[in-house]
Each structure stands twice: as structure tokens, then as C-alpha cells.
C-alpha atoms as a PDB file:
ATOM      1  CA  MET A   1      -2.280 -11.414   1.446  1.00  0.00           C
ATOM      2  CA  ALA A   2      -5.755 -10.063   2.051  1.00  0.00           C
ATOM      3  CA  TRP A   3      -8.791 -11.452   0.249  1.00  0.00           C
ATOM      4  CA  PHE A   4     -11.778  -9.769  -1.335  1.00  0.00           C
ATOM      5  CA  LYS A   5     -14.847 -11.907  -0.730  1.00  0.00           C
ATOM      6  CA  VAL A   6     -17.548 -12.169  -3.397  1.00  0.00           C
ATOM      7  CA  ASP A   7     -20.915 -13.805  -2.747  1.00  0.00           C
ATOM      8  CA  ASP A   8     -21.521 -16.850  -4.921  1.00  0.00           C
ATOM      9  CA  HIS A   9     -24.960 -15.489  -5.860  1.00  0.00           C
ATOM     10  CA  LEU A  10     -23.677 -12.103  -6.993  1.00  0.00           C
ATOM     11  CA  TYR A  11     -24.335 -13.003 -10.632  1.00  0.00           C
ATOM     12  CA  SER A  12     -28.098 -13.069 -10.033  1.00  0.00           C
ATOM     13  CA  HIS A  13     -28.549 -10.133  -7.639  1.00  0.00           C
ATOM     14  CA  PRO A  14     -30.887  -7.437  -9.017  1.00  0.00           C
ATOM     15  CA  LYS A  15     -28.409  -4.638  -8.227  1.00  0.00           C
ATOM     16  CA  TRP A  16     -25.690  -6.496 -10.137  1.00  0.00           C
ATOM     17  CA  LEU A  17     -27.952  -7.221 -13.082  1.00  0.00           C
ATOM     18  CA  SER A  18     -28.872  -3.532 -13.330  1.00  0.00           C
ATOM     19  CA  LEU A  19     -25.230  -2.512 -13.874  1.00  0.00           C
ATOM     20  CA  PRO A  20     -23.349  -2.168 -17.150  1.00  0.00           C
ATOM     21  CA  LYS A  21     -20.409  -4.544 -17.604  1.00  0.00           C
ATOM     22  CA  GLY A  22     -17.862  -1.771 -17.039  1.00  0.00           C
ATOM     23  CA  SER A  23     -19.274  -1.010 -13.606  1.00  0.00           C
ATOM     24  CA  ARG A  24     -19.278  -4.698 -12.723  1.00  0.00           C
ATOM     25  CA  ALA A  25     -15.631  -4.994 -13.746  1.00  0.00           C
ATOM     26  CA  LEU A  26     -14.770  -1.869 -11.756  1.00  0.00           C
ATOM     27  CA  TRP A  27     -16.512  -3.208  -8.639  1.00  0.00           C
ATOM     28  CA  VAL A  28     -14.544  -6.462  -8.684  1.00  0.00           C
ATOM     29  CA  THR A  29     -11.225  -4.843  -9.578  1.00  0.00           C
ATOM     30  CA  ALA A  30     -11.642  -2.094  -6.986  1.00  0.00           C
ATOM     31  CA  GLY A  31     -12.588  -4.649  -4.346  1.00  0.00           C
ATOM     32  CA  ALA A  32      -9.433  -6.653  -4.939  1.00  0.00           C
ATOM     33  CA  TRP A  33      -7.373  -3.457  -4.963  1.00  0.00           C
ATOM     34  CA  CYS A  34      -8.915  -2.173  -1.706  1.00  0.00           C
ATOM     35  CA  ALA A  35      -8.331  -5.505   0.005  1.00  0.00           C
ATOM     36  CA  GLY A  36      -4.722  -5.558  -1.142  1.00  0.00           C
ATOM     37  CA  GLN A  37      -4.117  -1.968  -0.051  1.00  0.00           C
ATOM     38  CA  LEU A  38      -5.965  -2.445   3.281  1.00  0.00           C
ATOM     39  CA  LEU A  39      -8.127   0.626   2.667  1.00  0.00           C
ATOM     40  CA  ASP A  40     -11.321  -0.777   4.199  1.00  0.00           C
ATOM     41  CA  GLY A  41     -13.285  -0.254   1.011  1.00  0.00           C
ATOM     42  CA  TYR A  42     -12.207   3.287   0.162  1.00  0.00           C
ATOM     43  CA  ILE A  43     -11.431   4.037  -3.492  1.00  0.00           C
ATOM     44  CA  PRO A  44      -9.765   7.411  -4.175  1.00  0.00           C
ATOM     45  CA  LEU A  45     -10.883   9.148  -7.366  1.00  0.00           C
ATOM     46  CA  SER A  46      -7.261   9.211  -8.510  1.00  0.00           C
ATOM     47  CA  VAL A  47      -7.077   5.405  -8.836  1.00  0.00           C
ATOM     48  CA  LEU A  48     -10.156   4.943 -11.037  1.00  0.00           C
ATOM     49  CA  PRO A  49      -8.113   5.136 -14.272  1.00  0.00           C
ATOM     50  CA  MET A  50      -5.532   2.667 -12.928  1.00  0.00           C
ATOM     51  CA  LEU A  51      -8.386   0.280 -12.097  1.00  0.00           C
ATOM     52  CA  GLY A  52      -9.753   0.648 -15.621  1.00  0.00           C
ATOM     53  CA  GLY A  53     -12.825   2.529 -14.468  1.00  0.00           C
ATOM     54  CA  THR A  54     -14.529   5.828 -15.139  1.00  0.00           C
ATOM     55  CA  ARG A  55     -16.500   8.215 -12.988  1.00  0.00           C
ATOM     56  CA  SER A  56     -19.599   7.255 -14.949  1.00  0.00           C
ATOM     57  CA  GLU A  57     -19.100   3.577 -14.050  1.00  0.00           C
ATOM     58  CA  ALA A  58     -18.389   4.506 -10.436  1.00  0.00           C
ATOM     59  CA  ASN A  59     -21.522   6.658 -10.281  1.00  0.00           C
ATOM     60  CA  ALA A  60     -23.568   3.718 -11.584  1.00  0.00           C
ATOM     61  CA  LEU A  61     -22.283   1.732  -8.584  1.00  0.00           C
ATOM     62  CA  VAL A  62     -23.419   4.557  -6.292  1.00  0.00           C
ATOM     63  CA  ARG A  63     -26.880   4.632  -7.903  1.00  0.00           C
ATOM     64  CA  ALA A  64     -27.140   0.850  -7.478  1.00  0.00           C
ATOM     65  CA  GLY A  65     -26.281   1.156  -3.782  1.00  0.00           C
ATOM     66  CA  LEU A  66     -23.027  -0.806  -4.000  1.00  0.00           C
ATOM     67  CA  TRP A  67     -20.813   2.226  -3.396  1.00  0.00           C
ATOM     68  CA  ILE A  68     -21.251   5.443  -1.432  1.00  0.00           C
ATOM     69  CA  ASP A  69     -19.908   8.865  -2.394  1.00  0.00           C
ATOM     70  CA  ALA A  70     -16.982   9.687  -0.107  1.00  0.00           C
ATOM     71  CA  GLU A  71     -14.585  12.596   0.177  1.00  0.00           C
ATOM     72  CA  GLN A  72     -12.350  12.540  -2.900  1.00  0.00           C
ATOM     73  CA  GLY A  73     -13.584   9.071  -3.841  1.00  0.00           C
ATOM     74  CA  TYR A  74     -15.992   6.274  -3.099  1.00  0.00           C
ATOM     75  CA  GLN A  75     -16.631   3.793  -0.315  1.00  0.00           C
ATOM     76  CA  PHE A  76     -17.885   0.224  -0.683  1.00  0.00           C
ATOM     77  CA  HIS A  77     -21.260  -0.145   1.017  1.00  0.00           C
ATOM     78  CA  ASP A  78     -20.955  -2.286   4.192  1.00  0.00           C
ATOM     79  CA  TRP A  79     -17.282  -3.156   3.583  1.00  0.00           C
ATOM     80  CA  CYS A  80     -16.599  -3.849   7.258  1.00  0.00           C
ATOM     81  CA  THR A  81     -19.607  -6.163   7.481  1.00  0.00           C
ATOM     82  CA  TYR A  82     -18.558  -8.475   4.655  1.00  0.00           C
ATOM     83  CA  GLN A  83     -14.811  -7.965   4.166  1.00  0.00           C
ATOM     84  CA  PRO A  84     -11.814  -8.338   6.475  1.00  0.00           C
ATOM     85  CA  THR A  85     -10.857  -4.943   7.888  1.00  0.00           C
ATOM     86  CA  LYS A  86      -7.316  -3.608   7.982  1.00  0.00           C
ATOM     87  CA  GLN A  87      -7.257  -4.198  11.733  1.00  0.00           C
ATOM     88  CA  ALA A  88      -8.372  -7.835  11.363  1.00  0.00           C
ATOM     89  CA  VAL A  89      -5.810  -8.494   8.614  1.00  0.00           C
ATOM     90  CA  MET A  90      -3.001  -6.933  10.642  1.00  0.00           C
ATOM     91  CA  GLU A  91      -3.973  -8.946  13.742  1.00  0.00           C
ATOM     92  CA  LYS A  92      -4.025 -12.171  11.709  1.00  0.00           C
ATOM     93  CA  ARG A  93      -0.642 -11.375  10.197  1.00  0.00           C
ATOM     94  CA  ALA A  94       0.817 -10.748  13.660  1.00  0.00           C
ATOM     95  CA  LYS A  95      -0.590 -14.042  14.983  1.00  0.00           C
ATOM     96  CA  ASP A  96       0.692 -15.902  11.920  1.00  0.00           C
ATOM     97  CA  ALA A  97       4.137 -14.374  12.400  1.00  0.00           C
ATOM     98  CA  GLU A  98       4.159 -15.414  16.076  1.00  0.00           C
ATOM     99  CA  ARG A  99       3.099 -18.947  15.176  1.00  0.00           C
ATOM    100  CA  LEU A 100       5.755 -19.196  12.475  1.00  0.00           C
ATOM    101  CA  LYS A 101       8.445 -17.884  14.840  1.00  0.00           C
ATOM    102  CA  ALA A 102       7.449 -20.452  17.486  1.00  0.00           C
ATOM    103  CA  TRP A 103       7.575 -23.235  14.875  1.00  0.00           C
ATOM    104  CA  ARG A 104      11.006 -22.125  13.659  1.00  0.00           C
ATOM    105  CA  ASP A 105      12.327 -21.816  17.213  1.00  0.00           C
ATOM    106  CA  LYS A 106      11.110 -25.344  18.008  1.00  0.00           C
ATOM    107  CA  ARG A 107      12.576 -26.719  14.791  1.00  0.00           C
ATOM    108  CA  ASP A 108      15.922 -25.048  15.459  1.00  0.00           C
ATOM    109  CA  ALA A 109      15.980 -26.292  19.048  1.00  0.00           C
ATOM    110  CA  GLU A 110      15.286 -29.864  17.894  1.00  0.00           C
ATOM    111  CA  ARG A 111      17.994 -29.558  15.257  1.00  0.00           C
ATOM    112  CA  ASP A 112      20.450 -28.303  17.878  1.00  0.00           C
ATOM    113  CA  GLU A 113      19.598 -31.210  20.191  1.00  0.00           C
ATOM    114  CA  LYS A 114      20.241 -33.734  17.420  1.00  0.00           C
ATOM    115  CA  GLY A 115      23.520 -32.072  16.495  1.00  0.00           C
ATOM    116  CA  ALA A 116      24.817 -31.960  20.076  1.00  0.00           C
END
């Protein structure tokens, strides 16, 4: 599972306060979706309706400087500075899988020793 990080002072940031509620909802929903899809902050135009957003709400995020126009969609501003990248998530998953395998191998070996 990847996580979408949100600053605990977001509620009072001037850019946030300048946005209509629909754009705020879209920003949070799209952030969670991008993190889950490992898209490094890219939102294709085609998913806006699924995320409950409109182009007007997305364009408000661009005007506020929270998103950038991208080819066939939008890009979160500074995603790779504040959010885990696909590469970082995949590396963590691989390390976690290795650690879990080592734990299971040790557990199984200890179980075999006790049973012998």
C-alpha cells in the first residue's frame, strides 16, 4: 500500500483557502488515487469523472499552483519532493518481501528443528 501524504497545515494554506470545495475534494481524491496507482502524481483527463472531479475544478488547481497542465491530463506540483515515488515504493516492497521471506525461512527452520 502506498500513502498520499497531506501536510497538517493544509487547511490554512492560502492556495487551499482560495479553492472551491470541489477542487479541494478532487485534490485529495486524486492524490490518494495517484499514490495507489503509482503514477507519480499524474492524473489522466479520463479519470477525472471517476474521481468525482471536473475540468473546471482541475483547472482551478492549476491556477492555484497545486497542479500543472500535462499531456492528456494534469501533474501534481512537486509530487516527487513530497510523496513517495513509484521507484521508492517498489524498492520498499522488495525489501519488505525479502525481510518477510527471511523471517519465514527462520521460523520454518526453527519449527523443523523442534520437530526433528
